[in-house]
């Protein structure tokens, strides 16, 4: 038995700049076999080999970084994505090089001016007809996707004072479409150091997976 999850993309914010990274765009990650865990990972910001499978890794010079227009391309940066699941949760973690531990945060209480991770998910295989863009376009526009109940998107991150966005005054835009982060069983831990670690436990129910 295998539960399949389609992750459209994960966006990582390095420093205070927006760096889009198509985590699963790299072959052979059109489809990924994510194994079911024997024991649920502990959501503590520490990634252990026995907890997860490494499903994608990007190092300096990878094509994904060349999409960036903010100066990260060519720098010594690495991004690893880990994942597993059980009957209640999809677990995934991102480890990314911290290029500037002393970054200057943006002046506003706005998630895109701080380091963070944006995730978007579908509840099933994105090639299914029910997810096709109705006009025949190759990609959905953000506004059109936001209007569909099957698409979920949210951001996790922390302020300069290490307060997670959901608990920080003024950071209201953590749920971009859908309300995954409002699920009482959703969990996230973020740690900062030589690498930033974003670890999440996402309830299947929160993304509409049955």
C-alpha atoms as a PDB file:
ATOM      1  CA  UNK A   1       0.000   0.000   0.000  1.00  0.00           C
ATOM      2  CA  UNK A   2       1.318   3.387  -0.914  1.00  0.00           C
ATOM      3  CA  UNK A   3      -0.196   6.808  -0.443  1.00  0.00           C
ATOM      4  CA  UNK A   4       0.832   9.192  -3.207  1.00  0.00           C
ATOM      5  CA  UNK A   5       1.152  12.904  -2.750  1.00  0.00           C
ATOM      6  CA  UNK A   6       1.807  15.494  -5.424  1.00  0.00           C
ATOM      7  CA  UNK A   7       3.876  18.407  -4.247  1.00  0.00           C
ATOM      8  CA  UNK A   8       3.777  21.077  -6.909  1.00  0.00           C
ATOM      9  CA  UNK A   9       6.644  23.101  -5.577  1.00  0.00           C
ATOM     10  CA  UNK A  10       8.407  24.340  -2.517  1.00  0.00           C
ATOM     11  CA  UNK A  11       9.727  27.864  -2.363  1.00  0.00           C
ATOM     12  CA  UNK A  12      12.668  28.697  -0.160  1.00  0.00           C
ATOM     13  CA  UNK A  13      13.532  32.205   0.962  1.00  0.00           C
ATOM     14  CA  UNK A  14      17.251  32.699   1.484  1.00  0.00           C
ATOM     15  CA  UNK A  15      18.216  35.829   3.377  1.00  0.00           C
ATOM     16  CA  UNK A  16      15.407  38.302   2.799  1.00  0.00           C
ATOM     17  CA  UNK A  17      15.101  37.656  -0.934  1.00  0.00           C
ATOM     18  CA  UNK A  18      12.688  35.465  -2.867  1.00  0.00           C
ATOM     19  CA  UNK A  19      14.345  32.433  -4.456  1.00  0.00           C
ATOM     20  CA  UNK A  20      11.888  30.171  -6.312  1.00  0.00           C
ATOM     21  CA  UNK A  21      13.011  26.555  -6.469  1.00  0.00           C
ATOM     22  CA  UNK A  22      11.071  23.855  -8.318  1.00  0.00           C
ATOM     23  CA  UNK A  23      12.093  21.183  -5.859  1.00  0.00           C
ATOM     24  CA  UNK A  24      10.577  18.266  -7.710  1.00  0.00           C
ATOM     25  CA  UNK A  25      11.077  19.554 -11.248  1.00  0.00           C
ATOM     26  CA  UNK A  26      14.403  17.757 -11.569  1.00  0.00           C
ATOM     27  CA  UNK A  27      14.269  14.334 -13.213  1.00  0.00           C
ATOM     28  CA  UNK A  28      13.570  11.637 -12.179  1.00  0.00           C
ATOM     29  CA  UNK A  29      11.322  13.402  -9.696  1.00  0.00           C
ATOM     30  CA  UNK A  30       8.269  13.675 -11.921  1.00  0.00           C
ATOM     31  CA  UNK A  31       6.969  10.946  -9.625  1.00  0.00           C
ATOM     32  CA  UNK A  32       8.488  10.088  -6.258  1.00  0.00           C
ATOM     33  CA  UNK A  33       8.028   6.951  -4.218  1.00  0.00           C
ATOM     34  CA  UNK A  34       7.934   8.254  -0.657  1.00  0.00           C
ATOM     35  CA  UNK A  35       8.062   5.330   1.790  1.00  0.00           C
ATOM     36  CA  UNK A  36       5.688   4.968   4.704  1.00  0.00           C
ATOM     37  CA  UNK A  37       7.486   5.389   8.002  1.00  0.00           C
ATOM     38  CA  UNK A  38       7.641   2.631  10.592  1.00  0.00           C
ATOM     39  CA  UNK A  39       7.785   5.265  13.314  1.00  0.00           C
ATOM     40  CA  UNK A  40       6.621   8.844  12.963  1.00  0.00           C
ATOM     41  CA  UNK A  41       9.390  11.461  12.861  1.00  0.00           C
ATOM     42  CA  UNK A  42       9.723  13.706  15.867  1.00  0.00           C
ATOM     43  CA  UNK A  43       9.082  17.265  14.695  1.00  0.00           C
ATOM     44  CA  UNK A  44      12.017  18.886  16.452  1.00  0.00           C
ATOM     45  CA  UNK A  45      14.089  20.546  13.720  1.00  0.00           C
ATOM     46  CA  UNK A  46      16.615  17.684  13.730  1.00  0.00           C
ATOM     47  CA  UNK A  47      16.615  15.463  10.645  1.00  0.00           C
ATOM     48  CA  UNK A  48      17.709  11.882  11.271  1.00  0.00           C
ATOM     49  CA  UNK A  49      18.424   9.279   8.582  1.00  0.00           C
ATOM     50  CA  UNK A  50      16.116   6.748  10.208  1.00  0.00           C
ATOM     51  CA  UNK A  51      13.211   9.208  10.110  1.00  0.00           C
ATOM     52  CA  UNK A  52      13.155  10.286   6.459  1.00  0.00           C
ATOM     53  CA  UNK A  53      14.072   9.503   2.880  1.00  0.00           C
ATOM     54  CA  UNK A  54      16.060  12.125   0.961  1.00  0.00           C
ATOM     55  CA  UNK A  55      13.876  12.797  -2.089  1.00  0.00           C
ATOM     56  CA  UNK A  56      15.641  15.749  -3.745  1.00  0.00           C
ATOM     57  CA  UNK A  57      18.961  17.547  -3.440  1.00  0.00           C
ATOM     58  CA  UNK A  58      20.239  20.680  -5.140  1.00  0.00           C
ATOM     59  CA  UNK A  59      23.812  21.917  -4.899  1.00  0.00           C
ATOM     60  CA  UNK A  60      25.741  24.875  -6.279  1.00  0.00           C
ATOM     61  CA  UNK A  61      25.438  25.120 -10.051  1.00  0.00           C
ATOM     62  CA  UNK A  62      22.147  23.216 -10.332  1.00  0.00           C
ATOM     63  CA  UNK A  63      19.739  24.604 -12.955  1.00  0.00           C
ATOM     64  CA  UNK A  64      17.179  25.400 -10.249  1.00  0.00           C
ATOM     65  CA  UNK A  65      19.384  28.130  -8.834  1.00  0.00           C
ATOM     66  CA  UNK A  66      19.859  29.690 -12.268  1.00  0.00           C
ATOM     67  CA  UNK A  67      16.193  30.686 -12.173  1.00  0.00           C
ATOM     68  CA  UNK A  68      17.070  33.118  -9.421  1.00  0.00           C
ATOM     69  CA  UNK A  69      17.501  36.777 -10.311  1.00  0.00           C
ATOM     70  CA  UNK A  70      18.635  37.876  -6.852  1.00  0.00           C
ATOM     71  CA  UNK A  71      22.269  36.819  -6.889  1.00  0.00           C
ATOM     72  CA  UNK A  72      22.156  33.329  -5.336  1.00  0.00           C
ATOM     73  CA  UNK A  73      23.220  31.577  -8.554  1.00  0.00           C
ATOM     74  CA  UNK A  74      26.897  30.647  -8.294  1.00  0.00           C
ATOM     75  CA  UNK A  75      27.028  30.831  -4.508  1.00  0.00           C
ATOM     76  CA  UNK A  76      27.841  27.821  -2.354  1.00  0.00           C
ATOM     77  CA  UNK A  77      24.269  26.893  -1.523  1.00  0.00           C
ATOM     78  CA  UNK A  78      22.648  23.493  -1.034  1.00  0.00           C
ATOM     79  CA  UNK A  79      19.023  22.471  -0.604  1.00  0.00           C
ATOM     80  CA  UNK A  80      17.883  19.003   0.558  1.00  0.00           C
ATOM     81  CA  UNK A  81      14.293  17.788   0.790  1.00  0.00           C
ATOM     82  CA  UNK A  82      13.258  14.827   2.966  1.00  0.00           C
ATOM     83  CA  UNK A  83       9.847  13.139   3.163  1.00  0.00           C
ATOM     84  CA  UNK A  84       7.852  10.262   4.621  1.00  0.00           C
ATOM     85  CA  UNK A  85       4.245   9.603   5.687  1.00  0.00           C
ATOM     86  CA  UNK A  86       1.876   7.596   7.826  1.00  0.00           C
ATOM     87  CA  UNK A  87      -1.898   7.230   7.965  1.00  0.00           C
ATOM     88  CA  UNK A  88      -2.407  10.636   9.566  1.00  0.00           C
ATOM     89  CA  UNK A  89       0.373  12.904   8.270  1.00  0.00           C
ATOM     90  CA  UNK A  90       2.686  13.742   5.425  1.00  0.00           C
ATOM     91  CA  UNK A  91       6.057  14.676   6.936  1.00  0.00           C
ATOM     92  CA  UNK A  92       8.626  16.709   5.106  1.00  0.00           C
ATOM     93  CA  UNK A  93      11.694  18.719   5.905  1.00  0.00           C
ATOM     94  CA  UNK A  94      13.893  21.142   3.987  1.00  0.00           C
ATOM     95  CA  UNK A  95      17.514  21.871   4.876  1.00  0.00           C
ATOM     96  CA  UNK A  96      19.035  24.853   3.089  1.00  0.00           C
ATOM     97  CA  UNK A  97      22.331  26.703   3.435  1.00  0.00           C
ATOM     98  CA  UNK A  98      22.099  29.829   5.558  1.00  0.00           C
ATOM     99  CA  UNK A  99      24.094  32.315   3.499  1.00  0.00           C
ATOM    100  CA  UNK A 100      23.837  35.135   6.022  1.00  0.00           C
ATOM    101  CA  UNK A 101      22.948  34.337   9.650  1.00  0.00           C
ATOM    102  CA  UNK A 102      22.986  38.089  10.354  1.00  0.00           C
ATOM    103  CA  UNK A 103      20.485  38.952   7.644  1.00  0.00           C
ATOM    104  CA  UNK A 104      18.625  42.242   7.822  1.00  0.00           C
ATOM    105  CA  UNK A 105      14.883  41.530   7.905  1.00  0.00           C
ATOM    106  CA  UNK A 106      12.425  43.552   5.897  1.00  0.00           C
ATOM    107  CA  UNK A 107      10.853  46.592   7.541  1.00  0.00           C
ATOM    108  CA  UNK A 108       7.298  45.225   7.524  1.00  0.00           C
ATOM    109  CA  UNK A 109       5.452  42.320   9.125  1.00  0.00           C
ATOM    110  CA  UNK A 110       5.339  40.546   5.785  1.00  0.00           C
ATOM    111  CA  UNK A 111       6.369  36.918   5.331  1.00  0.00           C
ATOM    112  CA  UNK A 112       8.145  37.535   2.034  1.00  0.00           C
ATOM    113  CA  UNK A 113      10.608  39.935   3.658  1.00  0.00           C
ATOM    114  CA  UNK A 114      11.907  37.273   6.048  1.00  0.00           C
ATOM    115  CA  UNK A 115      13.592  33.889   5.536  1.00  0.00           C
ATOM    116  CA  UNK A 116      10.915  31.246   5.129  1.00  0.00           C
ATOM    117  CA  UNK A 117       9.588  28.271   3.196  1.00  0.00           C
ATOM    118  CA  UNK A 118       6.513  28.365   0.985  1.00  0.00           C
ATOM    119  CA  UNK A 119       4.806  25.092   0.117  1.00  0.00           C
ATOM    120  CA  UNK A 120       1.966  24.303  -2.283  1.00  0.00           C
ATOM    121  CA  UNK A 121       0.202  20.941  -2.420  1.00  0.00           C
ATOM    122  CA  UNK A 122      -2.473  19.041  -4.269  1.00  0.00           C
ATOM    123  CA  UNK A 123      -4.327  16.165  -2.672  1.00  0.00           C
ATOM    124  CA  UNK A 124      -3.538  13.762  -5.544  1.00  0.00           C
ATOM    125  CA  UNK A 125      -1.741  13.215  -8.865  1.00  0.00           C
ATOM    126  CA  UNK A 126      -1.524  16.622 -10.615  1.00  0.00           C
ATOM    127  CA  UNK A 127      -1.936  14.973 -14.041  1.00  0.00           C
ATOM    128  CA  UNK A 128      -5.515  13.889 -13.259  1.00  0.00           C
ATOM    129  CA  UNK A 129      -8.148  15.556 -15.476  1.00  0.00           C
ATOM    130  CA  UNK A 130      -9.809  17.187 -12.469  1.00  0.00           C
ATOM    131  CA  UNK A 131      -6.697  19.339 -12.003  1.00  0.00           C
ATOM    132  CA  UNK A 132      -6.344  20.411 -15.643  1.00  0.00           C
ATOM    133  CA  UNK A 133      -6.324  24.146 -16.355  1.00  0.00           C
ATOM    134  CA  UNK A 134      -9.766  24.704 -17.961  1.00  0.00           C
ATOM    135  CA  UNK A 135      -8.597  26.936 -20.821  1.00  0.00           C
ATOM    136  CA  UNK A 136      -5.915  24.467 -21.899  1.00  0.00           C
ATOM    137  CA  UNK A 137      -3.011  26.558 -20.614  1.00  0.00           C
ATOM    138  CA  UNK A 138       0.053  24.642 -19.437  1.00  0.00           C
ATOM    139  CA  UNK A 139       0.031  26.297 -16.009  1.00  0.00           C
ATOM    140  CA  UNK A 140      -2.557  27.713 -13.666  1.00  0.00           C
ATOM    141  CA  UNK A 141      -2.387  31.387 -12.770  1.00  0.00           C
ATOM    142  CA  UNK A 142      -1.982  32.067  -9.054  1.00  0.00           C
ATOM    143  CA  UNK A 143      -5.397  33.763  -8.824  1.00  0.00           C
ATOM    144  CA  UNK A 144      -7.162  30.901 -10.589  1.00  0.00           C
ATOM    145  CA  UNK A 145      -5.465  28.275  -8.422  1.00  0.00           C
ATOM    146  CA  UNK A 146      -6.316  30.226  -5.281  1.00  0.00           C
ATOM    147  CA  UNK A 147      -9.974  29.983  -6.202  1.00  0.00           C
ATOM    148  CA  UNK A 148      -9.935  26.186  -6.307  1.00  0.00           C
ATOM    149  CA  UNK A 149     -10.478  24.173  -3.152  1.00  0.00           C
ATOM    150  CA  UNK A 150      -8.044  21.440  -4.234  1.00  0.00           C
ATOM    151  CA  UNK A 151      -4.988  23.709  -4.099  1.00  0.00           C
ATOM    152  CA  UNK A 152      -3.285  24.553  -0.793  1.00  0.00           C
ATOM    153  CA  UNK A 153      -0.415  26.982  -0.246  1.00  0.00           C
ATOM    154  CA  UNK A 154       1.199  28.366   2.895  1.00  0.00           C
ATOM    155  CA  UNK A 155       4.427  29.782   4.308  1.00  0.00           C
ATOM    156  CA  UNK A 156       6.442  28.910   7.401  1.00  0.00           C
ATOM    157  CA  UNK A 157       9.258  30.980   8.820  1.00  0.00           C
ATOM    158  CA  UNK A 158      10.376  33.027  11.777  1.00  0.00           C
ATOM    159  CA  UNK A 159      11.145  36.620  12.591  1.00  0.00           C
ATOM    160  CA  UNK A 160      14.575  37.967  13.504  1.00  0.00           C
ATOM    161  CA  UNK A 161      13.679  37.181  17.120  1.00  0.00           C
ATOM    162  CA  UNK A 162      12.943  33.529  16.256  1.00  0.00           C
ATOM    163  CA  UNK A 163       9.189  33.910  16.667  1.00  0.00           C
ATOM    164  CA  UNK A 164       7.334  31.665  14.214  1.00  0.00           C
ATOM    165  CA  UNK A 165       5.072  33.616  11.849  1.00  0.00           C
ATOM    166  CA  UNK A 166       1.826  32.134  13.215  1.00  0.00           C
ATOM    167  CA  UNK A 167       2.734  33.448  16.680  1.00  0.00           C
ATOM    168  CA  UNK A 168       4.211  36.790  15.615  1.00  0.00           C
ATOM    169  CA  UNK A 169       1.981  39.897  15.765  1.00  0.00           C
ATOM    170  CA  UNK A 170       0.966  41.163  12.342  1.00  0.00           C
ATOM    171  CA  UNK A 171       1.976  38.109  10.293  1.00  0.00           C
ATOM    172  CA  UNK A 172      -1.480  37.196   9.066  1.00  0.00           C
ATOM    173  CA  UNK A 173      -0.692  36.001   5.537  1.00  0.00           C
ATOM    174  CA  UNK A 174       0.765  32.576   6.342  1.00  0.00           C
ATOM    175  CA  UNK A 175      -2.174  30.790   4.668  1.00  0.00           C
ATOM    176  CA  UNK A 176      -2.104  31.915   1.038  1.00  0.00           C
ATOM    177  CA  UNK A 177      -4.919  29.658  -0.132  1.00  0.00           C
ATOM    178  CA  UNK A 178      -6.577  27.022   1.935  1.00  0.00           C
ATOM    179  CA  UNK A 179      -6.055  26.994   5.683  1.00  0.00           C
ATOM    180  CA  UNK A 180      -3.558  24.181   6.233  1.00  0.00           C
ATOM    181  CA  UNK A 181      -1.830  26.011   9.053  1.00  0.00           C
ATOM    182  CA  UNK A 182      -5.083  26.401  10.966  1.00  0.00           C
ATOM    183  CA  UNK A 183      -5.478  22.653  11.369  1.00  0.00           C
ATOM    184  CA  UNK A 184      -5.004  21.914  15.097  1.00  0.00           C
ATOM    185  CA  UNK A 185      -2.805  18.910  14.301  1.00  0.00           C
ATOM    186  CA  UNK A 186      -0.432  20.733  11.941  1.00  0.00           C
ATOM    187  CA  UNK A 187       3.126  21.008  13.305  1.00  0.00           C
ATOM    188  CA  UNK A 188       6.238  22.941  12.303  1.00  0.00           C
ATOM    189  CA  UNK A 189       9.657  23.514  13.837  1.00  0.00           C
ATOM    190  CA  UNK A 190      12.259  25.868  12.363  1.00  0.00           C
ATOM    191  CA  UNK A 191      15.911  26.026  13.365  1.00  0.00           C
ATOM    192  CA  UNK A 192      18.663  28.369  12.198  1.00  0.00           C
ATOM    193  CA  UNK A 193      22.417  27.834  12.048  1.00  0.00           C
ATOM    194  CA  UNK A 194      24.897  27.087   9.265  1.00  0.00           C
ATOM    195  CA  UNK A 195      21.805  25.647   7.593  1.00  0.00           C
ATOM    196  CA  UNK A 196      18.167  26.551   8.092  1.00  0.00           C
ATOM    197  CA  UNK A 197      15.850  23.599   8.769  1.00  0.00           C
ATOM    198  CA  UNK A 198      12.103  23.661   8.162  1.00  0.00           C
ATOM    199  CA  UNK A 199      10.332  20.516   9.406  1.00  0.00           C
ATOM    200  CA  UNK A 200       6.581  19.990   9.072  1.00  0.00           C
ATOM    201  CA  UNK A 201       3.901  17.422   9.877  1.00  0.00           C
ATOM    202  CA  UNK A 202       0.975  18.093   7.541  1.00  0.00           C
ATOM    203  CA  UNK A 203      -2.323  16.329   8.314  1.00  0.00           C
ATOM    204  CA  UNK A 204      -3.783  14.565   5.294  1.00  0.00           C
ATOM    205  CA  UNK A 205      -7.143  16.010   6.307  1.00  0.00           C
ATOM    206  CA  UNK A 206      -5.762  19.551   6.006  1.00  0.00           C
ATOM    207  CA  UNK A 207      -5.086  19.112   2.289  1.00  0.00           C
ATOM    208  CA  UNK A 208      -8.298  17.193   1.603  1.00  0.00           C
ATOM    209  CA  UNK A 209      -6.651  13.794   1.153  1.00  0.00           C
ATOM    210  CA  UNK A 210      -8.891  10.883   2.158  1.00  0.00           C
END
